[in-house]
C-alpha atoms as a PDB file:
ATOM      1  CA  UNK A   1    -100.372  65.047  16.467  1.00  0.00           C
ATOM      2  CA  UNK A   2    -104.146  65.124  16.662  1.00  0.00           C
ATOM      3  CA  UNK A   3    -104.876  65.784  13.019  1.00  0.00           C
ATOM      4  CA  UNK A   4    -102.414  64.511  10.469  1.00  0.00           C
ATOM      5  CA  UNK A   5    -103.666  66.474   7.490  1.00  0.00           C
ATOM      6  CA  UNK A   6    -103.225  65.245   3.939  1.00  0.00           C
ATOM      7  CA  UNK A   7    -101.241  68.340   2.978  1.00  0.00           C
ATOM      8  CA  UNK A   8     -98.517  67.449   5.482  1.00  0.00           C
ATOM      9  CA  UNK A   9     -98.218  63.884   4.250  1.00  0.00           C
ATOM     10  CA  UNK A  10     -98.183  64.872   0.579  1.00  0.00           C
ATOM     11  CA  UNK A  11     -95.495  67.511   1.190  1.00  0.00           C
ATOM     12  CA  UNK A  12     -93.229  65.211   3.193  1.00  0.00           C
ATOM     13  CA  UNK A  13     -93.613  62.348   0.705  1.00  0.00           C
ATOM     14  CA  UNK A  14     -92.837  64.618  -2.250  1.00  0.00           C
ATOM     15  CA  UNK A  15     -89.761  66.000  -0.507  1.00  0.00           C
ATOM     16  CA  UNK A  16     -88.588  62.479   0.398  1.00  0.00           C
ATOM     17  CA  UNK A  17     -88.797  61.506  -3.275  1.00  0.00           C
ATOM     18  CA  UNK A  18     -87.156  64.607  -4.734  1.00  0.00           C
ATOM     19  CA  UNK A  19     -84.846  65.653  -1.836  1.00  0.00           C
ATOM     20  CA  UNK A  20     -85.188  69.143  -3.219  1.00  0.00           C
ATOM     21  CA  UNK A  21     -87.716  71.757  -2.079  1.00  0.00           C
ATOM     22  CA  UNK A  22     -88.144  73.307  -5.523  1.00  0.00           C
ATOM     23  CA  UNK A  23     -88.707  69.964  -7.261  1.00  0.00           C
ATOM     24  CA  UNK A  24     -91.083  68.799  -4.513  1.00  0.00           C
ATOM     25  CA  UNK A  25     -93.113  71.985  -4.967  1.00  0.00           C
ATOM     26  CA  UNK A  26     -93.226  71.486  -8.728  1.00  0.00           C
ATOM     27  CA  UNK A  27     -94.373  67.906  -8.243  1.00  0.00           C
ATOM     28  CA  UNK A  28     -97.339  69.045  -6.130  1.00  0.00           C
ATOM     29  CA  UNK A  29     -97.983  72.165  -8.222  1.00  0.00           C
ATOM     30  CA  UNK A  30     -97.535  74.480  -5.251  1.00  0.00           C
ATOM     31  CA  UNK A  31     -94.974  77.114  -4.325  1.00  0.00           C
ATOM     32  CA  UNK A  32     -91.749  76.257  -2.503  1.00  0.00           C
ATOM     33  CA  UNK A  33     -92.803  78.234   0.624  1.00  0.00           C
ATOM     34  CA  UNK A  34     -95.853  75.951   0.908  1.00  0.00           C
ATOM     35  CA  UNK A  35     -93.611  72.879   1.135  1.00  0.00           C
ATOM     36  CA  UNK A  36     -91.336  74.608   3.666  1.00  0.00           C
ATOM     37  CA  UNK A  37     -94.290  75.749   5.777  1.00  0.00           C
ATOM     38  CA  UNK A  38     -95.977  72.333   5.777  1.00  0.00           C
ATOM     39  CA  UNK A  39     -92.734  70.631   6.752  1.00  0.00           C
ATOM     40  CA  UNK A  40     -92.069  73.156   9.505  1.00  0.00           C
ATOM     41  CA  UNK A  41     -95.577  72.692  10.919  1.00  0.00           C
ATOM     42  CA  UNK A  42     -95.445  68.911  10.979  1.00  0.00           C
ATOM     43  CA  UNK A  43     -91.937  68.891  12.510  1.00  0.00           C
ATOM     44  CA  UNK A  44     -93.080  71.372  15.167  1.00  0.00           C
ATOM     45  CA  UNK A  45     -96.036  69.183  16.085  1.00  0.00           C
ATOM     46  CA  UNK A  46     -93.815  66.101  16.156  1.00  0.00           C
ATOM     47  CA  UNK A  47     -91.144  67.840  18.185  1.00  0.00           C
ATOM     48  CA  UNK A  48     -88.291  66.784  15.922  1.00  0.00           C
ATOM     49  CA  UNK A  49     -86.935  66.740  12.390  1.00  0.00           C
ATOM     50  CA  UNK A  50     -87.908  64.387   9.582  1.00  0.00           C
ATOM     51  CA  UNK A  51     -85.037  65.515   7.333  1.00  0.00           C
ATOM     52  CA  UNK A  52     -81.387  66.292   7.995  1.00  0.00           C
ATOM     53  CA  UNK A  53     -80.610  69.334   5.888  1.00  0.00           C
ATOM     54  CA  UNK A  54     -78.112  72.066   5.286  1.00  0.00           C
ATOM     55  CA  UNK A  55     -77.717  74.661   2.550  1.00  0.00           C
ATOM     56  CA  UNK A  56     -76.794  72.073  -0.058  1.00  0.00           C
ATOM     57  CA  UNK A  57     -78.343  68.742   0.929  1.00  0.00           C
ATOM     58  CA  UNK A  58     -81.650  67.312   2.111  1.00  0.00           C
ATOM     59  CA  UNK A  59     -81.630  63.785   3.563  1.00  0.00           C
ATOM     60  CA  UNK A  60     -84.517  61.778   4.992  1.00  0.00           C
ATOM     61  CA  UNK A  61     -83.642  60.540   8.506  1.00  0.00           C
ATOM     62  CA  UNK A  62     -85.001  57.494  10.351  1.00  0.00           C
ATOM     63  CA  UNK A  63     -87.951  59.383  11.801  1.00  0.00           C
ATOM     64  CA  UNK A  64     -88.703  60.672   8.309  1.00  0.00           C
ATOM     65  CA  UNK A  65     -88.530  57.167   6.868  1.00  0.00           C
ATOM     66  CA  UNK A  66     -91.050  55.963   9.440  1.00  0.00           C
ATOM     67  CA  UNK A  67     -93.331  58.921   8.743  1.00  0.00           C
ATOM     68  CA  UNK A  68     -93.190  58.486   4.951  1.00  0.00           C
ATOM     69  CA  UNK A  69     -93.848  54.751   5.137  1.00  0.00           C
ATOM     70  CA  UNK A  70     -97.025  55.205   7.146  1.00  0.00           C
ATOM     71  CA  UNK A  71     -98.077  58.379   5.346  1.00  0.00           C
ATOM     72  CA  UNK A  72     -98.090  56.480   2.049  1.00  0.00           C
ATOM     73  CA  UNK A  73    -100.345  53.856   3.592  1.00  0.00           C
ATOM     74  CA  UNK A  74    -102.657  56.494   5.080  1.00  0.00           C
ATOM     75  CA  UNK A  75    -103.051  58.253   1.726  1.00  0.00           C
ATOM     76  CA  UNK A  76    -103.556  54.939  -0.034  1.00  0.00           C
ATOM     77  CA  UNK A  77    -106.304  53.874   2.352  1.00  0.00           C
ATOM     78  CA  UNK A  78    -107.971  57.271   2.097  1.00  0.00           C
ATOM     79  CA  UNK A  79    -108.059  56.906  -1.668  1.00  0.00           C
ATOM     80  CA  UNK A  80    -109.270  53.318  -1.342  1.00  0.00           C
ATOM     81  CA  UNK A  81    -112.128  54.387   0.938  1.00  0.00           C
ATOM     82  CA  UNK A  82    -113.329  56.881  -1.660  1.00  0.00           C
ATOM     83  CA  UNK A  83    -113.000  54.411  -4.536  1.00  0.00           C
ATOM     84  CA  UNK A  84    -114.695  51.622  -2.570  1.00  0.00           C
ATOM     85  CA  UNK A  85    -117.716  53.777  -1.793  1.00  0.00           C
ATOM     86  CA  UNK A  86    -117.969  54.936  -5.401  1.00  0.00           C
ATOM     87  CA  UNK A  87    -117.617  51.396  -6.791  1.00  0.00           C
ATOM     88  CA  UNK A  88    -120.282  50.085  -4.399  1.00  0.00           C
ATOM     89  CA  UNK A  89    -122.646  52.842  -5.521  1.00  0.00           C
ATOM     90  CA  UNK A  90    -122.048  51.635  -9.075  1.00  0.00           C
ATOM     91  CA  UNK A  91    -122.985  48.034  -8.224  1.00  0.00           C
ATOM     92  CA  UNK A  92    -119.656  46.298  -7.570  1.00  0.00           C
ATOM     93  CA  UNK A  93    -119.828  43.563  -4.911  1.00  0.00           C
ATOM     94  CA  UNK A  94    -116.070  43.030  -4.497  1.00  0.00           C
ATOM     95  CA  UNK A  95    -113.201  45.441  -5.011  1.00  0.00           C
ATOM     96  CA  UNK A  96    -109.683  44.102  -5.494  1.00  0.00           C
ATOM     97  CA  UNK A  97    -106.670  46.391  -5.279  1.00  0.00           C
ATOM     98  CA  UNK A  98    -103.973  45.331  -7.716  1.00  0.00           C
ATOM     99  CA  UNK A  99    -100.559  46.914  -8.211  1.00  0.00           C
ATOM    100  CA  UNK A 100     -98.377  46.682 -11.271  1.00  0.00           C
ATOM    101  CA  UNK A 101     -94.807  47.657 -11.981  1.00  0.00           C
ATOM    102  CA  UNK A 102     -94.804  50.507 -14.529  1.00  0.00           C
ATOM    103  CA  UNK A 103     -92.427  48.564 -16.762  1.00  0.00           C
ATOM    104  CA  UNK A 104     -94.253  45.243 -16.907  1.00  0.00           C
ATOM    105  CA  UNK A 105     -95.831  44.217 -20.197  1.00  0.00           C
ATOM    106  CA  UNK A 106     -99.235  46.000 -20.397  1.00  0.00           C
ATOM    107  CA  UNK A 107    -100.592  42.801 -21.974  1.00  0.00           C
ATOM    108  CA  UNK A 108    -100.574  41.202 -18.518  1.00  0.00           C
ATOM    109  CA  UNK A 109    -102.756  43.799 -16.825  1.00  0.00           C
ATOM    110  CA  UNK A 110    -105.100  43.982 -19.821  1.00  0.00           C
ATOM    111  CA  UNK A 111    -105.499  40.180 -19.689  1.00  0.00           C
ATOM    112  CA  UNK A 112    -106.306  40.371 -15.976  1.00  0.00           C
ATOM    113  CA  UNK A 113    -108.983  42.978 -16.670  1.00  0.00           C
ATOM    114  CA  UNK A 114    -110.342  40.817 -19.488  1.00  0.00           C
ATOM    115  CA  UNK A 115    -110.678  37.800 -17.184  1.00  0.00           C
ATOM    116  CA  UNK A 116    -112.356  39.882 -14.497  1.00  0.00           C
ATOM    117  CA  UNK A 117    -114.928  41.372 -16.873  1.00  0.00           C
ATOM    118  CA  UNK A 118    -115.838  38.067 -18.496  1.00  0.00           C
ATOM    119  CA  UNK A 119    -115.761  35.782 -15.447  1.00  0.00           C
ATOM    120  CA  UNK A 120    -116.374  38.100 -12.480  1.00  0.00           C
ATOM    121  CA  UNK A 121    -118.646  40.943 -13.638  1.00  0.00           C
ATOM    122  CA  UNK A 122    -119.579  41.985 -10.088  1.00  0.00           C
ATOM    123  CA  UNK A 123    -115.920  42.419  -9.171  1.00  0.00           C
ATOM    124  CA  UNK A 124    -114.100  45.709  -9.609  1.00  0.00           C
ATOM    125  CA  UNK A 125    -110.320  45.936 -10.023  1.00  0.00           C
ATOM    126  CA  UNK A 126    -108.580  49.107  -8.902  1.00  0.00           C
ATOM    127  CA  UNK A 127    -105.131  49.236 -10.531  1.00  0.00           C
ATOM    128  CA  UNK A 128    -102.177  51.104  -9.029  1.00  0.00           C
ATOM    129  CA  UNK A 129     -98.661  51.639 -10.375  1.00  0.00           C
ATOM    130  CA  UNK A 130     -95.629  51.073  -8.114  1.00  0.00           C
ATOM    131  CA  UNK A 131     -92.050  49.921  -8.513  1.00  0.00           C
ATOM    132  CA  UNK A 132     -91.565  46.213  -7.801  1.00  0.00           C
ATOM    133  CA  UNK A 133     -89.969  46.585  -4.349  1.00  0.00           C
ATOM    134  CA  UNK A 134     -92.721  48.974  -3.268  1.00  0.00           C
ATOM    135  CA  UNK A 135     -95.344  46.606  -4.702  1.00  0.00           C
ATOM    136  CA  UNK A 136     -94.108  43.725  -2.594  1.00  0.00           C
ATOM    137  CA  UNK A 137     -94.221  45.913   0.508  1.00  0.00           C
ATOM    138  CA  UNK A 138     -97.762  47.091  -0.274  1.00  0.00           C
ATOM    139  CA  UNK A 139     -98.896  43.486  -0.710  1.00  0.00           C
ATOM    140  CA  UNK A 140     -97.231  42.421   2.552  1.00  0.00           C
ATOM    141  CA  UNK A 141     -98.938  45.121   4.609  1.00  0.00           C
ATOM    142  CA  UNK A 142    -102.307  44.380   3.027  1.00  0.00           C
ATOM    143  CA  UNK A 143    -102.621  47.622   1.068  1.00  0.00           C
ATOM    144  CA  UNK A 144    -102.807  45.591  -2.156  1.00  0.00           C
ATOM    145  CA  UNK A 145    -104.521  42.258  -2.772  1.00  0.00           C
ATOM    146  CA  UNK A 146    -102.320  41.317  -5.731  1.00  0.00           C
ATOM    147  CA  UNK A 147     -99.236  42.597  -7.480  1.00  0.00           C
ATOM    148  CA  UNK A 148     -97.805  42.143 -10.972  1.00  0.00           C
ATOM    149  CA  UNK A 149     -94.114  42.639 -10.270  1.00  0.00           C
ATOM    150  CA  UNK A 150     -90.869  42.168 -12.165  1.00  0.00           C
ATOM    151  CA  UNK A 151     -88.272  40.319 -10.077  1.00  0.00           C
ATOM    152  CA  UNK A 152     -89.912  41.014  -6.687  1.00  0.00           C
ATOM    153  CA  UNK A 153     -87.837  40.494  -3.533  1.00  0.00           C
ATOM    154  CA  UNK A 154     -88.045  37.006  -2.059  1.00  0.00           C
ATOM    155  CA  UNK A 155     -90.140  36.556   1.073  1.00  0.00           C
ATOM    156  CA  UNK A 156     -91.654  33.519   2.754  1.00  0.00           C
ATOM    157  CA  UNK A 157     -94.680  35.717   3.420  1.00  0.00           C
ATOM    158  CA  UNK A 158     -95.379  36.048  -0.305  1.00  0.00           C
ATOM    159  CA  UNK A 159     -96.866  33.551  -2.741  1.00  0.00           C
ATOM    160  CA  UNK A 160     -95.459  34.058  -6.239  1.00  0.00           C
ATOM    161  CA  UNK A 161     -96.348  32.599  -9.622  1.00  0.00           C
ATOM    162  CA  UNK A 162     -94.251  33.346 -12.700  1.00  0.00           C
ATOM    163  CA  UNK A 163     -96.418  34.742 -15.486  1.00  0.00           C
ATOM    164  CA  UNK A 164     -93.870  36.084 -17.983  1.00  0.00           C
ATOM    165  CA  UNK A 165     -90.195  36.166 -18.887  1.00  0.00           C
ATOM    166  CA  UNK A 166     -88.553  38.556 -21.319  1.00  0.00           C
ATOM    167  CA  UNK A 167     -85.053  39.778 -22.132  1.00  0.00           C
ATOM    168  CA  UNK A 168     -83.678  43.229 -21.556  1.00  0.00           C
ATOM    169  CA  UNK A 169     -83.708  45.291 -24.723  1.00  0.00           C
ATOM    170  CA  UNK A 170     -80.894  47.569 -25.828  1.00  0.00           C
ATOM    171  CA  UNK A 171     -81.934  50.832 -27.431  1.00  0.00           C
ATOM    172  CA  UNK A 172     -79.433  52.030 -30.037  1.00  0.00           C
ATOM    173  CA  UNK A 173     -79.214  54.506 -32.870  1.00  0.00           C
ATOM    174  CA  UNK A 174     -80.233  53.082 -36.238  1.00  0.00           C
ATOM    175  CA  UNK A 175     -76.792  54.190 -37.444  1.00  0.00           C
ATOM    176  CA  UNK A 176     -74.988  52.216 -34.737  1.00  0.00           C
ATOM    177  CA  UNK A 177     -73.011  49.183 -35.935  1.00  0.00           C
ATOM    178  CA  UNK A 178     -74.898  47.082 -33.356  1.00  0.00           C
ATOM    179  CA  UNK A 179     -78.100  47.693 -35.307  1.00  0.00           C
ATOM    180  CA  UNK A 180     -76.777  45.272 -37.929  1.00  0.00           C
ATOM    181  CA  UNK A 181     -77.238  42.386 -35.476  1.00  0.00           C
ATOM    182  CA  UNK A 182     -80.466  40.585 -34.576  1.00  0.00           C
ATOM    183  CA  UNK A 183     -79.466  40.661 -30.913  1.00  0.00           C
ATOM    184  CA  UNK A 184     -76.743  42.217 -28.777  1.00  0.00           C
ATOM    185  CA  UNK A 185     -74.350  40.671 -26.245  1.00  0.00           C
ATOM    186  CA  UNK A 186     -72.794  42.326 -23.225  1.00  0.00           C
ATOM    187  CA  UNK A 187     -69.372  41.794 -24.755  1.00  0.00           C
ATOM    188  CA  UNK A 188     -70.405  43.913 -27.745  1.00  0.00           C
ATOM    189  CA  UNK A 189     -71.323  46.708 -25.339  1.00  0.00           C
ATOM    190  CA  UNK A 190     -67.899  46.948 -23.725  1.00  0.00           C
ATOM    191  CA  UNK A 191     -66.296  50.406 -23.550  1.00  0.00           C
ATOM    192  CA  UNK A 192     -69.517  52.072 -24.666  1.00  0.00           C
ATOM    193  CA  UNK A 193     -71.533  54.737 -22.852  1.00  0.00           C
ATOM    194  CA  UNK A 194     -74.475  53.045 -21.129  1.00  0.00           C
ATOM    195  CA  UNK A 195     -77.793  54.337 -19.911  1.00  0.00           C
ATOM    196  CA  UNK A 196     -79.226  52.427 -16.943  1.00  0.00           C
ATOM    197  CA  UNK A 197     -82.214  52.908 -14.660  1.00  0.00           C
ATOM    198  CA  UNK A 198     -81.510  54.387 -11.219  1.00  0.00           C
ATOM    199  CA  UNK A 199     -80.454  51.669  -8.788  1.00  0.00           C
ATOM    200  CA  UNK A 200     -83.084  52.708  -6.249  1.00  0.00           C
ATOM    201  CA  UNK A 201     -85.811  51.727  -8.721  1.00  0.00           C
ATOM    202  CA  UNK A 202     -84.801  48.059  -8.560  1.00  0.00           C
ATOM    203  CA  UNK A 203     -81.603  47.350  -6.585  1.00  0.00           C
ATOM    204  CA  UNK A 204     -81.619  43.585  -7.230  1.00  0.00           C
ATOM    205  CA  UNK A 205     -81.870  43.845 -11.013  1.00  0.00           C
ATOM    206  CA  UNK A 206     -79.375  46.719 -11.155  1.00  0.00           C
ATOM    207  CA  UNK A 207     -76.820  44.831  -9.068  1.00  0.00           C
ATOM    208  CA  UNK A 208     -77.344  41.715 -11.179  1.00  0.00           C
ATOM    209  CA  UNK A 209     -76.586  43.623 -14.385  1.00  0.00           C
ATOM    210  CA  UNK A 210     -73.408  45.061 -12.916  1.00  0.00           C
ATOM    211  CA  UNK A 211     -72.273  41.742 -11.387  1.00  0.00           C
ATOM    212  CA  UNK A 212     -72.745  39.785 -14.609  1.00  0.00           C
ATOM    213  CA  UNK A 213     -70.978  42.475 -16.620  1.00  0.00           C
ATOM    214  CA  UNK A 214     -68.058  42.384 -14.193  1.00  0.00           C
ATOM    215  CA  UNK A 215     -67.927  38.573 -14.322  1.00  0.00           C
ATOM    216  CA  UNK A 216     -67.674  38.777 -18.110  1.00  0.00           C
ATOM    217  CA  UNK A 217     -64.965  41.414 -17.927  1.00  0.00           C
ATOM    218  CA  UNK A 218     -67.254  44.000 -19.507  1.00  0.00           C
ATOM    219  CA  UNK A 219     -67.132  47.603 -18.353  1.00  0.00           C
ATOM    220  CA  UNK A 220     -68.905  50.701 -19.566  1.00  0.00           C
ATOM    221  CA  UNK A 221     -66.944  53.782 -20.566  1.00  0.00           C
ATOM    222  CA  UNK A 222     -69.539  55.839 -18.719  1.00  0.00           C
ATOM    223  CA  UNK A 223     -72.957  55.252 -17.142  1.00  0.00           C
ATOM    224  CA  UNK A 224     -75.846  57.706 -17.272  1.00  0.00           C
ATOM    225  CA  UNK A 225     -78.816  57.005 -14.980  1.00  0.00           C
ATOM    226  CA  UNK A 226     -82.485  57.628 -15.726  1.00  0.00           C
ATOM    227  CA  UNK A 227     -85.863  57.026 -14.084  1.00  0.00           C
ATOM    228  CA  UNK A 228     -88.033  56.937 -17.227  1.00  0.00           C
ATOM    229  CA  UNK A 229     -87.235  55.272 -20.590  1.00  0.00           C
ATOM    230  CA  UNK A 230     -88.110  58.461 -22.477  1.00  0.00           C
ATOM    231  CA  UNK A 231     -85.170  60.198 -20.789  1.00  0.00           C
ATOM    232  CA  UNK A 232     -82.824  57.943 -22.747  1.00  0.00           C
ATOM    233  CA  UNK A 233     -84.217  58.870 -26.161  1.00  0.00           C
ATOM    234  CA  UNK A 234     -82.200  62.030 -26.974  1.00  0.00           C
ATOM    235  CA  UNK A 235     -78.914  60.477 -25.828  1.00  0.00           C
ATOM    236  CA  UNK A 236     -79.484  57.331 -27.889  1.00  0.00           C
ATOM    237  CA  UNK A 237     -80.784  59.198 -30.939  1.00  0.00           C
ATOM    238  CA  UNK A 238     -77.582  61.255 -31.065  1.00  0.00           C
ATOM    239  CA  UNK A 239     -75.575  58.035 -31.220  1.00  0.00           C
ATOM    240  CA  UNK A 240     -73.428  58.556 -28.151  1.00  0.00           C
ATOM    241  CA  UNK A 241     -75.196  56.141 -25.792  1.00  0.00           C
ATOM    242  CA  UNK A 242     -76.879  52.747 -25.723  1.00  0.00           C
ATOM    243  CA  UNK A 243     -79.635  52.099 -23.191  1.00  0.00           C
ATOM    244  CA  UNK A 244     -80.895  49.135 -21.162  1.00  0.00           C
ATOM    245  CA  UNK A 245     -84.703  49.129 -21.323  1.00  0.00           C
ATOM    246  CA  UNK A 246     -87.474  46.641 -20.663  1.00  0.00           C
ATOM    247  CA  UNK A 247     -89.978  45.668 -23.351  1.00  0.00           C
ATOM    248  CA  UNK A 248     -92.637  48.223 -22.416  1.00  0.00           C
ATOM    249  CA  UNK A 249     -90.062  51.017 -22.329  1.00  0.00           C
ATOM    250  CA  UNK A 250     -88.385  49.819 -25.520  1.00  0.00           C
ATOM    251  CA  UNK A 251     -91.608  50.082 -27.484  1.00  0.00           C
ATOM    252  CA  UNK A 252     -92.073  53.665 -26.322  1.00  0.00           C
ATOM    253  CA  UNK A 253     -88.700  54.939 -27.555  1.00  0.00           C
ATOM    254  CA  UNK A 254     -88.192  52.852 -30.732  1.00  0.00           C
ATOM    255  CA  UNK A 255     -88.875  55.681 -33.162  1.00  0.00           C
ATOM    256  CA  UNK A 256     -87.265  58.525 -35.108  1.00  0.00           C
ATOM    257  CA  UNK A 257     -83.828  56.989 -35.538  1.00  0.00           C
ATOM    258  CA  UNK A 258     -83.823  54.761 -32.440  1.00  0.00           C
ATOM    259  CA  UNK A 259     -84.172  51.000 -32.749  1.00  0.00           C
ATOM    260  CA  UNK A 260     -84.066  48.141 -30.232  1.00  0.00           C
ATOM    261  CA  UNK A 261     -82.403  44.744 -30.044  1.00  0.00           C
ATOM    262  CA  UNK A 262     -82.871  41.992 -27.420  1.00  0.00           C
ATOM    263  CA  UNK A 263     -79.953  41.404 -25.062  1.00  0.00           C
ATOM    264  CA  UNK A 264     -78.759  37.872 -25.768  1.00  0.00           C
ATOM    265  CA  UNK A 265     -77.924  36.868 -22.222  1.00  0.00           C
ATOM    266  CA  UNK A 266     -80.392  34.536 -20.514  1.00  0.00           C
ATOM    267  CA  UNK A 267     -78.922  35.249 -17.097  1.00  0.00           C
ATOM    268  CA  UNK A 268     -80.255  38.790 -17.478  1.00  0.00           C
ATOM    269  CA  UNK A 269     -83.785  37.872 -18.547  1.00  0.00           C
ATOM    270  CA  UNK A 270     -86.518  39.526 -16.507  1.00  0.00           C
ATOM    271  CA  UNK A 271     -89.165  37.392 -14.834  1.00  0.00           C
ATOM    272  CA  UNK A 272     -92.550  38.803 -13.921  1.00  0.00           C
ATOM    273  CA  UNK A 273     -94.633  37.307 -11.121  1.00  0.00           C
ATOM    274  CA  UNK A 274     -98.144  37.532  -9.778  1.00  0.00           C
ATOM    275  CA  UNK A 275     -97.706  38.029  -6.034  1.00  0.00           C
ATOM    276  CA  UNK A 276    -100.041  37.829  -3.057  1.00  0.00           C
ATOM    277  CA  UNK A 277     -99.741  37.343   0.688  1.00  0.00           C
ATOM    278  CA  UNK A 278     -99.218  33.704   1.636  1.00  0.00           C
ATOM    279  CA  UNK A 279    -101.981  33.971   4.237  1.00  0.00           C
ATOM    280  CA  UNK A 280    -104.522  35.558   1.899  1.00  0.00           C
ATOM    281  CA  UNK A 281    -107.677  33.464   2.341  1.00  0.00           C
ATOM    282  CA  UNK A 282    -109.889  35.468  -0.020  1.00  0.00           C
ATOM    283  CA  UNK A 283    -111.957  33.165  -2.233  1.00  0.00           C
ATOM    284  CA  UNK A 284    -112.427  35.983  -4.732  1.00  0.00           C
ATOM    285  CA  UNK A 285    -108.683  36.501  -5.074  1.00  0.00           C
ATOM    286  CA  UNK A 286    -108.049  32.758  -5.435  1.00  0.00           C
ATOM    287  CA  UNK A 287    -110.732  32.399  -8.103  1.00  0.00           C
ATOM    288  CA  UNK A 288    -109.441  35.358 -10.102  1.00  0.00           C
ATOM    289  CA  UNK A 289    -105.840  34.129  -9.908  1.00  0.00           C
ATOM    290  CA  UNK A 290    -106.800  30.623 -11.093  1.00  0.00           C
ATOM    291  CA  UNK A 291    -108.787  31.980 -14.037  1.00  0.00           C
ATOM    292  CA  UNK A 292    -106.000  34.406 -14.926  1.00  0.00           C
ATOM    293  CA  UNK A 293    -103.345  31.694 -14.905  1.00  0.00           C
ATOM    294  CA  UNK A 294    -105.530  29.388 -17.013  1.00  0.00           C
ATOM    295  CA  UNK A 295    -106.108  32.204 -19.512  1.00  0.00           C
ATOM    296  CA  UNK A 296    -102.403  32.950 -19.799  1.00  0.00           C
ATOM    297  CA  UNK A 297    -101.554  29.289 -20.259  1.00  0.00           C
ATOM    298  CA  UNK A 298    -104.161  28.844 -22.959  1.00  0.00           C
ATOM    299  CA  UNK A 299    -102.887  31.914 -24.807  1.00  0.00           C
ATOM    300  CA  UNK A 300     -99.291  30.712 -24.593  1.00  0.00           C
ATOM    301  CA  UNK A 301    -100.171  27.263 -25.938  1.00  0.00           C
ATOM    302  CA  UNK A 302    -102.437  28.689 -28.607  1.00  0.00           C
ATOM    303  CA  UNK A 303    -105.515  26.854 -27.379  1.00  0.00           C
END
């Protein structure tokens, strides 16, 4: 196709994420016929389908997966081109593109910004939010210079440095008997209704939770899945469910009758890493990473 317009890419990406025409339209703030028309036009120009669909289901096929992967990159680079030009106009010499998992401790990204402003004033950091698996992919293809990712997938093409470790937190009603304890164990959560993040958001961590629970002989009575911590709040507040959340999410929902307790199981602690490509030769990136690591170490040791 000669001209792969932004509207096509945005429509296909939204539909791949929602797998529902109505929800995709709502996400882009357009009407459902707009999504259908854009998809029909791009499939006509391609000469084939990007989605397998019937009256009830919409599924992204292999061609669609390939399209979405590269469409994300195209949109990202288009946005980067605009931001780079604007930053240069404002006097920045170097622009670094950094991704962060939405559930990592915000203290880490704020510390990175603090180091950049004090040590590298002519550098500009553009921060993007992505789930950890997507972050690693964006770093590998060069779309991001650095990533702050929780439990990223292992790859010999990535250089990783651990910068934080924290437990899962369990969100519970203040009236729950578990609220009497300083921490909570998996065994204490047996036969309860759990709320867990969708597996697709972080397959490795999700599978690890389920495997360790099974090894301990712990099973949930029922599991409800969410994509955002706030979705758990009404279920937990009513007292029927307990939710697995990370620190950043826990702090957002610990209010109005909901409290949090750390999960006392070290095998389920979450490690956060600073990741970059192993072949990244950028002196600016290396200098920023060294200063950032020194700053974190000094803060942890109280120096």
